[in-house]
Amino acid sequence: MLLGLLTAIAASVCYGTGSVLQAVGSRKSARRDAADGDRTQHGGPSLSSTAKAAMTWEFIVGTVLDFVGFGLGALAARLLPLFLSQTVISANLVITAVLSVKLLGIRLSRAEWTSIGVVCSALVLLASAAGHEGSGHTAVATHWWLLAVALLLMAGGTVVVRLLGARAAILAGLLSGLGFGALGVGVRILNGVDPFDAGALLGDPALYAILVAGIGGMYLHTVALQIGSVNGATAALVVGETVLPGAIGVVWLGDASRAGLAWMAVLGFVLAVGGAVAVAWFGSPDTAEEPARRDTLAEVG
């Protein structure tokens, strides 16, 4: 349990730091492209502008940290119940919020700090209540369903986000979170890992669900960072990557809380998600102070 918690915390730090660095790179690129008129007809970033954002050094370093976080998160998903591992990893929201003050010049309101405190308190409750993780053994049909859902979410989500344009920041963050949540489930049920069997691994649809959800989730997260509040987009991501795998872990994979502490696990889970939603709400970019924030971002660039 301790090793799993430390691994999840390390993954959270990597993801949180990576998100802010990616936001710095994305917004530098978005400002240049807005000046050049490189936007879709709906006001959102074009595919070329998103590709340019991915080539900035800040975004590249952030992406490297994401890959490190992915590896640590995958290990945590196999050592802890999903409702605990995914929630701890999702606490990267706290890292994102704190670093965004320094690197993005964002001022957090009292409501945002209070919401972050709620998330941290919820994580303590979850860690105290978590019991054993389930086996992760499921029917092959479940692996195919996971692949189908991942394809639908990522492909359909990409189209919808492009149609909504600049209004799609929170939706893009939520969809990227659902993608990362599907990735966490895929890691948990993946065949051919322990013991290692290359044939079983390559023949498992869950492996391809992991690839689709990971790549699609990263693209949608990049779009969310380009067009919206970094804290709001990250908070929406938290909801997506926490609720889905947490529920699946309990209902289908046998994850459980300690005897007599189910109420604490439920309370912690609800508070964590509620706190993340609150940060998304209070971190909305549509505020009177946004022009000042943009000026600060220009100075950072």
Foldseek 3Di string as FASTA:
>chain_A
DVLLLVLLLLLLLLQLQLLQLLLLLLQVLLVVCVVVVQFDPLAFHDPVSLVNSCPDPSNVSSVVSNVSSVVSLLVSLQFFQLLLSLLSSLLSLVVNVVVCCVQLVDDDDPLLVVLNVLLVVLNVLQVQWWDGFFQLEDDLVVQVVLLVVLCCLLVVLVVVCSVNHLVCLLVLLLSLLLLLLSLSSLSSNAPQVVVHDVVSRVPRSSNVSNVSSNVSSVSSSSRSSNRWQSSLSSLSSSLNNNPVSNVCRVPPRPTDTPPPSVVSNVVSSVSNNVSSNSSNVSRTCPDPCNVVSVVSSVVSD
